[in-house]
Full PDB file with SEQRES, HELIX, SHEET, SSBOND, CRYST1, ORIGX, SCALE, CONECT and MASTER records, all heavy atoms in Angstrom:
SEQRES   1 A   40  ILE ALA HIS SER GLU LYS LYS ALA ALA LEU ALA ASN GLY          
SEQRES   2 A   40  GLU GLY CYS LEU SER ILE ARG ASP GLU HIS GLU GLY ILE          
SEQRES   3 A   40  VAL PRO ARG TYR GLN ARG VAL ARG ILE LYS ALA TYR ASP          
SEQRES   4 A   40  LEU                                                          
SHEET    1 AA1 2 ALA A   2  HIS A   3  0                                        
SHEET    2 AA1 2 VAL A  33  ARG A  34 -1                                        
SHEET    1 AA2 2 LYS A   7  ALA A   8  0                                        
SHEET    2 AA2 2 ARG A  29  TYR A  30 -1                                        
CRYST1    1.000    1.000    1.000  90.00  90.00  90.00 P 1           1          
ORIGX1      1.000000  0.000000  0.000000        0.00000                         
ORIGX2      0.000000  1.000000  0.000000        0.00000                         
ORIGX3      0.000000  0.000000  1.000000        0.00000                         
SCALE1      1.000000  0.000000  0.000000        0.00000                         
SCALE2      0.000000  1.000000  0.000000        0.00000                         
SCALE3      0.000000  0.000000  1.000000        0.00000                         
ATOM      1  N   ILE A   1      84.272 109.967  98.405  1.00  0.00           N  
ATOM      2  CA  ILE A   1      83.491 111.143  98.432  1.00  0.00           C  
ATOM      3  C   ILE A   1      82.290 111.028  99.120  1.00  0.00           C  
ATOM      4  O   ILE A   1      81.727 111.953  99.590  1.00  0.00           O  
ATOM      5  CB  ILE A   1      83.470 111.993  97.252  1.00  0.00           C  
ATOM      6  CG1 ILE A   1      82.892 111.228  96.107  1.00  0.00           C  
ATOM      7  CG2 ILE A   1      84.968 112.429  96.758  1.00  0.00           C  
ATOM      8  CD1 ILE A   1      82.544 111.945  94.779  1.00  0.00           C  
ATOM      9  N   ALA A   2      81.705 109.810  99.154  1.00  0.00           N  
ATOM     10  CA  ALA A   2      80.386 109.418  99.850  1.00  0.00           C  
ATOM     11  C   ALA A   2      80.386 108.020 100.049  1.00  0.00           C  
ATOM     12  O   ALA A   2      81.063 107.336  99.358  1.00  0.00           O  
ATOM     13  CB  ALA A   2      79.318 109.865  98.920  1.00  0.00           C  
ATOM     14  N   HIS A   3      79.710 107.612 101.187  1.00  0.00           N  
ATOM     15  CA  HIS A   3      79.508 106.175 101.360  1.00  0.00           C  
ATOM     16  C   HIS A   3      78.140 105.949 102.250  1.00  0.00           C  
ATOM     17  O   HIS A   3      77.609 106.844 102.791  1.00  0.00           O  
ATOM     18  CB  HIS A   3      80.697 105.615 102.280  1.00  0.00           C  
ATOM     19  CG  HIS A   3      80.812 106.386 103.611  1.00  0.00           C  
ATOM     20  ND1 HIS A   3      79.982 106.086 104.608  1.00  0.00           N  
ATOM     21  CD2 HIS A   3      81.633 107.379 104.005  1.00  0.00           C  
ATOM     22  CE1 HIS A   3      80.315 106.814 105.760  1.00  0.00           C  
ATOM     23  NE2 HIS A   3      81.307 107.738 105.246  1.00  0.00           N  
ATOM     24  N   SER A   4      77.670 104.683 102.121  1.00  0.00           N  
ATOM     25  CA  SER A   4      76.528 104.379 102.953  1.00  0.00           C  
ATOM     26  C   SER A   4      76.689 104.212 104.310  1.00  0.00           C  
ATOM     27  O   SER A   4      77.903 104.146 104.707  1.00  0.00           O  
ATOM     28  CB  SER A   4      75.973 102.935 102.301  1.00  0.00           C  
ATOM     29  OG  SER A   4      77.031 101.963 102.578  1.00  0.00           O  
ATOM     30  N   GLU A   5      75.634 104.280 105.038  1.00  0.00           N  
ATOM     31  CA  GLU A   5      75.816 103.955 106.531  1.00  0.00           C  
ATOM     32  C   GLU A   5      75.926 102.474 106.716  1.00  0.00           C  
ATOM     33  O   GLU A   5      76.544 101.888 107.621  1.00  0.00           O  
ATOM     34  CB  GLU A   5      74.549 104.572 107.394  1.00  0.00           C  
ATOM     35  CG  GLU A   5      74.641 106.052 107.433  1.00  0.00           C  
ATOM     36  CD  GLU A   5      75.933 106.560 108.087  1.00  0.00           C  
ATOM     37  OE1 GLU A   5      76.224 106.111 109.180  1.00  0.00           O  
ATOM     38  OE2 GLU A   5      76.524 107.494 107.532  1.00  0.00           O  
ATOM     39  N   LYS A   6      75.121 101.743 105.859  1.00  0.00           N  
ATOM     40  CA  LYS A   6      75.073 100.318 105.946  1.00  0.00           C  
ATOM     41  C   LYS A   6      76.453  99.676 105.590  1.00  0.00           C  
ATOM     42  O   LYS A   6      77.201 100.128 104.763  1.00  0.00           O  
ATOM     43  CB  LYS A   6      74.027  99.797 104.940  1.00  0.00           C  
ATOM     44  CG  LYS A   6      73.805  98.297 104.813  1.00  0.00           C  
ATOM     45  CD  LYS A   6      72.856  97.797 105.794  1.00  0.00           C  
ATOM     46  CE  LYS A   6      72.610  96.316 105.761  1.00  0.00           C  
ATOM     47  NZ  LYS A   6      72.493  95.700 106.980  1.00  0.00           N  
ATOM     48  N   LYS A   7      76.670  98.694 106.526  1.00  0.00           N  
ATOM     49  CA  LYS A   7      78.104  97.852 106.377  1.00  0.00           C  
ATOM     50  C   LYS A   7      77.970  96.655 105.616  1.00  0.00           C  
ATOM     51  O   LYS A   7      76.790  95.986 105.575  1.00  0.00           O  
ATOM     52  CB  LYS A   7      78.700  97.679 107.631  1.00  0.00           C  
ATOM     53  CG  LYS A   7      78.975  98.897 108.440  1.00  0.00           C  
ATOM     54  CD  LYS A   7      80.300  99.628 107.856  1.00  0.00           C  
ATOM     55  CE  LYS A   7      80.529 100.895 108.766  1.00  0.00           C  
ATOM     56  NZ  LYS A   7      81.879 100.967 109.172  1.00  0.00           N  
ATOM     57  N   ALA A   8      78.960  96.079 104.942  1.00  0.00           N  
ATOM     58  CA  ALA A   8      78.940  94.783 104.313  1.00  0.00           C  
ATOM     59  C   ALA A   8      80.230  94.147 104.556  1.00  0.00           C  
ATOM     60  O   ALA A   8      81.266  94.801 104.956  1.00  0.00           O  
ATOM     61  CB  ALA A   8      78.701  94.846 102.813  1.00  0.00           C  
ATOM     62  N   ALA A   9      80.241  92.882 104.517  1.00  0.00           N  
ATOM     63  CA  ALA A   9      81.605  92.114 104.742  1.00  0.00           C  
ATOM     64  C   ALA A   9      81.501  90.751 103.925  1.00  0.00           C  
ATOM     65  O   ALA A   9      80.317  90.347 103.533  1.00  0.00           O  
ATOM     66  CB  ALA A   9      81.691  91.897 106.131  1.00  0.00           C  
ATOM     67  N   LEU A  10      82.622  90.154 103.487  1.00  0.00           N  
ATOM     68  CA  LEU A  10      82.745  88.970 102.910  1.00  0.00           C  
ATOM     69  C   LEU A  10      82.467  87.862 103.821  1.00  0.00           C  
ATOM     70  O   LEU A  10      82.952  87.833 104.945  1.00  0.00           O  
ATOM     71  CB  LEU A  10      84.135  88.826 102.181  1.00  0.00           C  
ATOM     72  CG  LEU A  10      84.390  89.785 100.993  1.00  0.00           C  
ATOM     73  CD1 LEU A  10      85.772  89.492 100.446  1.00  0.00           C  
ATOM     74  CD2 LEU A  10      83.553  89.803  99.943  1.00  0.00           C  
ATOM     75  N   ALA A  11      81.727  86.917 103.336  1.00  0.00           N  
ATOM     76  CA  ALA A  11      81.382  85.776 104.355  1.00  0.00           C  
ATOM     77  C   ALA A  11      82.607  85.009 105.009  1.00  0.00           C  
ATOM     78  O   ALA A  11      82.406  84.652 106.111  1.00  0.00           O  
ATOM     79  CB  ALA A  11      80.437  84.811 103.739  1.00  0.00           C  
ATOM     80  N   ASN A  12      83.594  84.876 104.202  1.00  0.00           N  
ATOM     81  CA  ASN A  12      84.747  84.187 104.677  1.00  0.00           C  
ATOM     82  C   ASN A  12      85.935  85.149 105.000  1.00  0.00           C  
ATOM     83  O   ASN A  12      87.096  84.560 105.282  1.00  0.00           O  
ATOM     84  CB  ASN A  12      85.313  83.127 103.707  1.00  0.00           C  
ATOM     85  CG  ASN A  12      84.223  82.111 103.271  1.00  0.00           C  
ATOM     86  OD1 ASN A  12      83.548  81.675 104.251  1.00  0.00           O  
ATOM     87  ND2 ASN A  12      83.913  81.824 102.121  1.00  0.00           N  
ATOM     88  N   GLY A  13      85.537  86.371 105.252  1.00  0.00           N  
ATOM     89  CA  GLY A  13      86.750  87.184 105.651  1.00  0.00           C  
ATOM     90  C   GLY A  13      87.502  87.668 104.301  1.00  0.00           C  
ATOM     91  O   GLY A  13      87.087  87.295 103.311  1.00  0.00           O  
ATOM     92  N   GLU A  14      88.584  88.523 104.505  1.00  0.00           N  
ATOM     93  CA  GLU A  14      89.368  88.990 103.395  1.00  0.00           C  
ATOM     94  C   GLU A  14      90.776  88.318 103.407  1.00  0.00           C  
ATOM     95  O   GLU A  14      91.291  87.804 104.526  1.00  0.00           O  
ATOM     96  CB  GLU A  14      89.435  90.420 103.558  1.00  0.00           C  
ATOM     97  CG  GLU A  14      88.138  91.116 103.211  1.00  0.00           C  
ATOM     98  CD  GLU A  14      88.280  92.655 103.256  1.00  0.00           C  
ATOM     99  OE1 GLU A  14      89.480  93.299 103.046  1.00  0.00           O  
ATOM    100  OE2 GLU A  14      87.182  93.345 103.483  1.00  0.00           O  
ATOM    101  N   GLY A  15      91.333  88.274 102.319  1.00  0.00           N  
ATOM    102  CA  GLY A  15      92.765  88.000 102.206  1.00  0.00           C  
ATOM    103  C   GLY A  15      93.483  89.062 101.452  1.00  0.00           C  
ATOM    104  O   GLY A  15      92.976  90.017 101.212  1.00  0.00           O  
ATOM    105  N   CYS A  16      94.892  88.877 101.506  1.00  0.00           N  
ATOM    106  CA  CYS A  16      95.748  90.038 100.977  1.00  0.00           C  
ATOM    107  C   CYS A  16      97.030  89.322 100.486  1.00  0.00           C  
ATOM    108  O   CYS A  16      97.576  88.652 101.118  1.00  0.00           O  
ATOM    109  CB  CYS A  16      95.923  91.003 102.068  1.00  0.00           C  
ATOM    110  SG  CYS A  16      97.013  92.460 101.511  1.00  0.00           S  
ATOM    111  N   LEU A  17      97.397  89.806  99.271  1.00  0.00           N  
ATOM    112  CA  LEU A  17      98.668  89.410  98.727  1.00  0.00           C  
ATOM    113  C   LEU A  17      99.925  89.659  99.710  1.00  0.00           C  
ATOM    114  O   LEU A  17     100.764  88.921  99.716  1.00  0.00           O  
ATOM    115  CB  LEU A  17      99.059  90.163  97.463  1.00  0.00           C  
ATOM    116  CG  LEU A  17      98.248  89.970  96.200  1.00  0.00           C  
ATOM    117  CD1 LEU A  17      98.451  90.933  95.124  1.00  0.00           C  
ATOM    118  CD2 LEU A  17      98.324  88.664  95.774  1.00  0.00           C  
ATOM    119  N   SER A  18      99.811  90.685 100.553  1.00  0.00           N  
ATOM    120  CA  SER A  18     100.756  91.129 101.403  1.00  0.00           C  
ATOM    121  C   SER A  18     100.874  90.457 102.817  1.00  0.00           C  
ATOM    122  O   SER A  18     101.726  90.652 103.619  1.00  0.00           O  
ATOM    123  CB  SER A  18     100.916  92.572 101.579  1.00  0.00           C  
ATOM    124  OG  SER A  18     101.250  93.228 100.448  1.00  0.00           O  
ATOM    125  N   ILE A  19      99.749  89.592 103.150  1.00  0.00           N  
ATOM    126  CA  ILE A  19      99.617  89.112 104.339  1.00  0.00           C  
ATOM    127  C   ILE A  19      99.478  87.452 104.271  1.00  0.00           C  
ATOM    128  O   ILE A  19      98.507  87.038 103.667  1.00  0.00           O  
ATOM    129  CB  ILE A  19      98.416  89.548 105.122  1.00  0.00           C  
ATOM    130  CG1 ILE A  19      98.449  91.132 105.287  1.00  0.00           C  
ATOM    131  CG2 ILE A  19      98.114  88.876 106.390  1.00  0.00           C  
ATOM    132  CD1 ILE A  19      97.239  91.802 105.736  1.00  0.00           C  
ATOM    133  N   ARG A  20     100.562  86.844 104.709  1.00  0.00           N  
ATOM    134  CA  ARG A  20     100.529  85.378 104.692  1.00  0.00           C  
ATOM    135  C   ARG A  20     100.031  84.812 105.914  1.00  0.00           C  
ATOM    136  O   ARG A  20      99.541  83.648 105.958  1.00  0.00           O  
ATOM    137  CB  ARG A  20     102.006  84.948 104.439  1.00  0.00           C  
ATOM    138  CG  ARG A  20     102.637  85.515 103.115  1.00  0.00           C  
ATOM    139  CD  ARG A  20     102.368  84.595 101.927  1.00  0.00           C  
ATOM    140  NE  ARG A  20     102.597  85.423 100.666  1.00  0.00           N  
ATOM    141  CZ  ARG A  20     103.667  85.521 100.009  1.00  0.00           C  
ATOM    142  NH1 ARG A  20     104.765  84.880 100.449  1.00  0.00           N  
ATOM    143  NH2 ARG A  20     103.877  86.161  98.964  1.00  0.00           N  
ATOM    144  N   ASP A  21      99.957  85.450 107.055  1.00  0.00           N  
ATOM    145  CA  ASP A  21      99.281  84.895 108.261  1.00  0.00           C  
ATOM    146  C   ASP A  21      97.863  84.997 108.056  1.00  0.00           C  
ATOM    147  O   ASP A  21      97.269  85.679 107.433  1.00  0.00           O  
ATOM    148  CB  ASP A  21      99.746  85.714 109.500  1.00  0.00           C  
ATOM    149  CG  ASP A  21     101.277  85.780 109.680  1.00  0.00           C  
ATOM    150  OD1 ASP A  21     101.881  84.990 109.310  1.00  0.00           O  
ATOM    151  OD2 ASP A  21     101.736  86.774 110.370  1.00  0.00           O  
ATOM    152  N   GLU A  22      97.317  83.979 108.908  1.00  0.00           N  
ATOM    153  CA  GLU A  22      95.798  83.891 108.876  1.00  0.00           C  
ATOM    154  C   GLU A  22      95.180  84.993 109.918  1.00  0.00           C  
ATOM    155  O   GLU A  22      95.832  85.235 111.011  1.00  0.00           O  
ATOM    156  CB  GLU A  22      95.315  82.492 109.505  1.00  0.00           C  
ATOM    157  CG  GLU A  22      95.414  81.362 108.464  1.00  0.00           C  
ATOM    158  CD  GLU A  22      94.440  81.458 107.351  1.00  0.00           C  
ATOM    159  OE1 GLU A  22      93.351  81.771 107.591  1.00  0.00           O  
ATOM    160  OE2 GLU A  22      94.903  81.199 106.160  1.00  0.00           O  
ATOM    161  N   HIS A  23      94.277  85.667 109.438  1.00  0.00           N  
ATOM    162  CA  HIS A  23      93.618  86.787 110.222  1.00  0.00           C  
ATOM    163  C   HIS A  23      92.029  86.420 109.895  1.00  0.00           C  
ATOM    164  O   HIS A  23      91.474  87.047 108.961  1.00  0.00           O  
ATOM    165  CB  HIS A  23      93.898  88.123 109.877  1.00  0.00           C  
ATOM    166  CG  HIS A  23      95.321  88.464 110.097  1.00  0.00           C  
ATOM    167  ND1 HIS A  23      95.718  88.936 111.422  1.00  0.00           N  
ATOM    168  CD2 HIS A  23      96.476  88.450 109.418  1.00  0.00           C  
ATOM    169  CE1 HIS A  23      97.006  88.990 111.419  1.00  0.00           C  
ATOM    170  NE2 HIS A  23      97.527  88.722 110.177  1.00  0.00           N  
ATOM    171  N   GLU A  24      91.448  85.537 110.694  1.00  0.00           N  
ATOM    172  CA  GLU A  24      89.973  85.139 110.357  1.00  0.00           C  
ATOM    173  C   GLU A  24      89.249  86.225 110.991  1.00  0.00           C  
ATOM    174  O   GLU A  24      89.421  86.562 112.149  1.00  0.00           O  
ATOM    175  CB  GLU A  24      89.763  83.773 110.840  1.00  0.00           C  
ATOM    176  CG  GLU A  24      90.590  82.749 110.011  1.00  0.00           C  
ATOM    177  CD  GLU A  24      90.103  81.273 110.316  1.00  0.00           C  
ATOM    178  OE1 GLU A  24      89.243  81.191 111.311  1.00  0.00           O  
ATOM    179  OE2 GLU A  24      90.582  80.392 109.751  1.00  0.00           O  
ATOM    180  N   GLY A  25      88.038  86.422 110.356  1.00  0.00           N  
ATOM    181  CA  GLY A  25      87.064  87.341 111.093  1.00  0.00           C  
ATOM    182  C   GLY A  25      86.260  88.157 110.018  1.00  0.00           C  
ATOM    183  O   GLY A  25      86.695  88.239 108.850  1.00  0.00           O  
ATOM    184  N   ILE A  26      85.228  88.724 110.399  1.00  0.00           N  
ATOM    185  CA  ILE A  26      84.439  89.645 109.533  1.00  0.00           C  
ATOM    186  C   ILE A  26      85.147  91.045 109.463  1.00  0.00           C  
ATOM    187  O   ILE A  26      85.643  91.587 110.489  1.00  0.00           O  
ATOM    188  CB  ILE A  26      82.991  89.880 110.180  1.00  0.00           C  
ATOM    189  CG1 ILE A  26      82.237  88.559 110.124  1.00  0.00           C  
ATOM    190  CG2 ILE A  26      82.253  91.055 109.561  1.00  0.00           C  
ATOM    191  CD1 ILE A  26      81.774  88.137 108.768  1.00  0.00           C  
ATOM    192  N   VAL A  27      85.377  91.559 108.288  1.00  0.00           N  
ATOM    193  CA  VAL A  27      85.875  92.821 108.074  1.00  0.00           C  
ATOM    194  C   VAL A  27      84.860  93.761 107.543  1.00  0.00           C  
ATOM    195  O   VAL A  27      84.495  93.867 106.354  1.00  0.00           O  
ATOM    196  CB  VAL A  27      87.042  92.750 106.915  1.00  0.00           C  
ATOM    197  CG1 VAL A  27      87.646  94.062 106.632  1.00  0.00           C  
ATOM    198  CG2 VAL A  27      88.023  91.611 107.383  1.00  0.00           C  
ATOM    199  N   PRO A  28      84.157  94.567 108.512  1.00  0.00           N  
ATOM    200  CA  PRO A  28      83.072  95.395 108.142  1.00  0.00           C  
ATOM    201  C   PRO A  28      83.616  96.613 107.276  1.00  0.00           C  
ATOM    202  O   PRO A  28      84.572  97.324 107.591  1.00  0.00           O  
ATOM    203  CB  PRO A  28      82.516  95.872 109.373  1.00  0.00           C  
ATOM    204  CG  PRO A  28      83.589  95.706 110.432  1.00  0.00           C  
ATOM    205  CD  PRO A  28      84.528  94.652 109.875  1.00  0.00           C  
ATOM    206  N   ARG A  29      82.805  96.956 106.165  1.00  0.00           N  
ATOM    207  CA  ARG A  29      83.206  97.919 105.269  1.00  0.00           C  
ATOM    208  C   ARG A  29      81.837  98.519 104.782  1.00  0.00           C  
ATOM    209  O   ARG A  29      80.885  98.122 105.045  1.00  0.00           O  
ATOM    210  CB  ARG A  29      83.951  97.469 103.980  1.00  0.00           C  
ATOM    211  CG  ARG A  29      85.241  96.872 104.466  1.00  0.00           C  
ATOM    212  CD  ARG A  29      86.203  96.622 103.182  1.00  0.00           C  
ATOM    213  NE  ARG A  29      87.530  96.074 103.496  1.00  0.00           N  
ATOM    214  CZ  ARG A  29      88.558  96.688 103.864  1.00  0.00           C  
ATOM    215  NH1 ARG A  29      88.571  98.046 103.990  1.00  0.00           N  
ATOM    216  NH2 ARG A  29      89.724  96.103 104.041  1.00  0.00           N  
ATOM    217  N   TYR A  30      81.896  99.776 104.200  1.00  0.00           N  
ATOM    218  CA  TYR A  30      80.780 100.492 103.669  1.00  0.00           C  
ATOM    219  C   TYR A  30      80.187  99.495 102.597  1.00  0.00           C  
ATOM    220  O   TYR A  30      80.949  99.089 101.665  1.00  0.00           O  
ATOM    221  CB  TYR A  30      80.974 101.821 103.248  1.00  0.00           C  
ATOM    222  CG  TYR A  30      81.545 102.739 104.247  1.00  0.00           C  
ATOM    223  CD1 TYR A  30      82.895 103.317 104.032  1.00  0.00           C  
ATOM    224  CD2 TYR A  30      80.814 103.020 105.372  1.00  0.00           C  
ATOM    225  CE1 TYR A  30      83.382 104.233 104.987  1.00  0.00           C  
ATOM    226  CE2 TYR A  30      81.371 103.835 106.305  1.00  0.00           C  
ATOM    227  CZ  TYR A  30      82.675 104.430 106.122  1.00  0.00           C  
ATOM    228  OH  TYR A  30      83.233 105.268 107.148  1.00  0.00           O  
ATOM    229  N   GLN A  31      78.905  99.421 102.580  1.00  0.00           N  
ATOM    230  CA  GLN A  31      78.155  98.549 101.568  1.00  0.00           C  
ATOM    231  C   GLN A  31      78.277  99.300 100.123  1.00  0.00           C  
ATOM    232  O   GLN A  31      78.375  98.637  99.055  1.00  0.00           O  
ATOM    233  CB  GLN A  31      76.773  98.234 101.849  1.00  0.00           C  
ATOM    234  CG  GLN A  31      76.120  97.330 100.879  1.00  0.00           C  
ATOM    235  CD  GLN A  31      74.652  97.094 101.155  1.00  0.00           C  
ATOM    236  OE1 GLN A  31      74.081  97.431 102.162  1.00  0.00           O  
ATOM    237  NE2 GLN A  31      74.073  96.404 100.194  1.00  0.00           N  
ATOM    238  N   ARG A  32      78.238 100.725 100.190  1.00  0.00           N  
ATOM    239  CA  ARG A  32      78.281 101.439  98.994  1.00  0.00           C  
ATOM    240  C   ARG A  32      79.363 102.572  99.076  1.00  0.00           C  
ATOM    241  O   ARG A  32      79.294 103.218 100.220  1.00  0.00           O  
ATOM    242  CB  ARG A  32      76.980 101.968  98.586  1.00  0.00           C  
ATOM    243  CG  ARG A  32      76.044 101.127  98.220  1.00  0.00           C  
ATOM    244  CD  ARG A  32      74.625 101.716  98.069  1.00  0.00           C  
ATOM    245  NE  ARG A  32      73.520 100.863  97.745  1.00  0.00           N  
ATOM    246  CZ  ARG A  32      73.082 100.395  96.611  1.00  0.00           C  
ATOM    247  NH1 ARG A  32      73.629 101.011  95.548  1.00  0.00           N  
ATOM    248  NH2 ARG A  32      72.184  99.636  96.398  1.00  0.00           N  
ATOM    249  N   VAL A  33      80.100 102.829  98.064  1.00  0.00           N  
ATOM    250  CA  VAL A  33      81.027 103.990  98.098  1.00  0.00           C  
ATOM    251  C   VAL A  33      80.991 104.675  96.776  1.00  0.00           C  
ATOM    252  O   VAL A  33      80.671 104.112  95.749  1.00  0.00           O  
ATOM    253  CB  VAL A  33      82.508 103.559  98.490  1.00  0.00           C  
ATOM    254  CG1 VAL A  33      82.647 103.099  99.946  1.00  0.00           C  
ATOM    255  CG2 VAL A  33      83.014 102.524  97.587  1.00  0.00           C  
ATOM    256  N   ARG A  34      81.303 106.082  96.911  1.00  0.00           N  
ATOM    257  CA  ARG A  34      81.449 106.795  95.673  1.00  0.00           C  
ATOM    258  C   ARG A  34      82.975 107.267  95.688  1.00  0.00           C  
ATOM    259  O   ARG A  34      83.228 107.886  96.799  1.00  0.00           O  
ATOM    260  CB  ARG A  34      80.524 107.988  95.570  1.00  0.00           C  
ATOM    261  CG  ARG A  34      80.617 108.748  94.305  1.00  0.00           C  
ATOM    262  CD  ARG A  34      79.598 109.731  94.089  1.00  0.00           C  
ATOM    263  NE  ARG A  34      78.207 109.301  94.454  1.00  0.00           N  
ATOM    264  CZ  ARG A  34      77.416 110.087  95.147  1.00  0.00           C  
ATOM    265  NH1 ARG A  34      77.695 111.148  95.738  1.00  0.00           N  
ATOM    266  NH2 ARG A  34      76.107 109.550  95.357  1.00  0.00           N  
ATOM    267  N   ILE A  35      83.619 107.165  94.654  1.00  0.00           N  
ATOM    268  CA  ILE A  35      85.133 107.389  94.622  1.00  0.00           C  
ATOM    269  C   ILE A  35      85.335 108.495  93.550  1.00  0.00           C  
ATOM    270  O   ILE A  35      84.798 108.473  92.445  1.00  0.00           O  
ATOM    271  CB  ILE A  35      85.884 106.164  94.181  1.00  0.00           C  
ATOM    272  CG1 ILE A  35      85.714 104.932  95.199  1.00  0.00           C  
ATOM    273  CG2 ILE A  35      87.317 106.476  94.010  1.00  0.00           C  
ATOM    274  CD1 ILE A  35      86.435 105.104  96.474  1.00  0.00           C  
ATOM    275  N   LYS A  36      86.259 109.347  93.868  1.00  0.00           N  
ATOM    276  CA  LYS A  36      86.666 110.274  92.852  1.00  0.00           C  
ATOM    277  C   LYS A  36      88.090 110.049  92.587  1.00  0.00           C  
ATOM    278  O   LYS A  36      88.912 109.749  93.545  1.00  0.00           O  
ATOM    279  CB  LYS A  36      86.436 111.736  93.213  1.00  0.00           C  
ATOM    280  CG  LYS A  36      86.826 112.788  92.226  1.00  0.00           C  
ATOM    281  CD  LYS A  36      86.438 114.109  92.811  1.00  0.00           C  
ATOM    282  CE  LYS A  36      86.141 115.084  91.564  1.00  0.00           C  
ATOM    283  NZ  LYS A  36      85.458 116.220  91.920  1.00  0.00           N  
ATOM    284  N   ALA A  37      88.550 109.844  91.315  1.00  0.00           N  
ATOM    285  CA  ALA A  37      90.062 109.469  91.095  1.00  0.00           C  
ATOM    286  C   ALA A  37      90.343 109.787  89.507  1.00  0.00           C  
ATOM    287  O   ALA A  37      89.366 110.111  88.874  1.00  0.00           O  
ATOM    288  CB  ALA A  37      90.115 107.849  91.327  1.00  0.00           C  
ATOM    289  N   TYR A  38      91.467 109.617  89.218  1.00  0.00           N  
ATOM    290  CA  TYR A  38      92.049 109.688  87.859  1.00  0.00           C  
ATOM    291  C   TYR A  38      92.064 108.313  87.369  1.00  0.00           C  
ATOM    292  O   TYR A  38      92.812 107.378  88.077  1.00  0.00           O  
ATOM    293  CB  TYR A  38      93.197 110.483  87.762  1.00  0.00           C  
ATOM    294  CG  TYR A  38      93.771 110.527  86.299  1.00  0.00           C  
ATOM    295  CD1 TYR A  38      93.295 111.518  85.414  1.00  0.00           C  
ATOM    296  CD2 TYR A  38      94.599 109.501  85.721  1.00  0.00           C  
ATOM    297  CE1 TYR A  38      93.765 111.563  84.163  1.00  0.00           C  
ATOM    298  CE2 TYR A  38      95.015 109.598  84.418  1.00  0.00           C  
ATOM    299  CZ  TYR A  38      94.639 110.554  83.685  1.00  0.00           C  
ATOM    300  OH  TYR A  38      94.988 110.660  82.345  1.00  0.00           O  
ATOM    301  N   ASP A  39      91.237 107.936  86.381  1.00  0.00           N  
ATOM    302  CA  ASP A  39      91.337 106.450  85.834  1.00  0.00           C  
ATOM    303  C   ASP A  39      92.254 106.529  84.656  1.00  0.00           C  
ATOM    304  O   ASP A  39      91.955 107.096  83.566  1.00  0.00           O  
ATOM    305  CB  ASP A  39      89.914 105.995  85.453  1.00  0.00           C  
ATOM    306  CG  ASP A  39      89.928 104.603  84.991  1.00  0.00           C  
ATOM    307  OD1 ASP A  39      90.996 103.959  85.092  1.00  0.00           O  
ATOM    308  OD2 ASP A  39      88.838 103.930  84.687  1.00  0.00           O  
ATOM    309  N   LEU A  40      93.390 105.826  84.725  1.00  0.00           N  
ATOM    310  CA  LEU A  40      94.372 105.756  83.796  1.00  0.00           C  
ATOM    311  C   LEU A  40      93.942 105.147  82.455  1.00  0.00           C  
ATOM    312  O   LEU A  40      94.198 105.309  81.347  1.00  0.00           O  
ATOM    313  CB  LEU A  40      95.699 105.029  84.127  1.00  0.00           C  
ATOM    314  CG  LEU A  40      96.756 104.958  83.181  1.00  0.00           C  
ATOM    315  CD1 LEU A  40      97.315 106.395  82.857  1.00  0.00           C  
ATOM    316  CD2 LEU A  40      98.058 104.192  83.781  1.00  0.00           C  
TER     317      LEU A  40                                                      
MASTER        0    0    0    0    4    0    0    6  316    1    0    4          
END                                                                             
């Protein structure tokens, strides 16, 4: 519902349970986010 303009990324890139291939590089994302959700 809201996010910063500033971006952040993990130094070594990201990984994923569903991706076995290598995909190296910076993954820019919002440094801050506000989320609305139902928390079980």
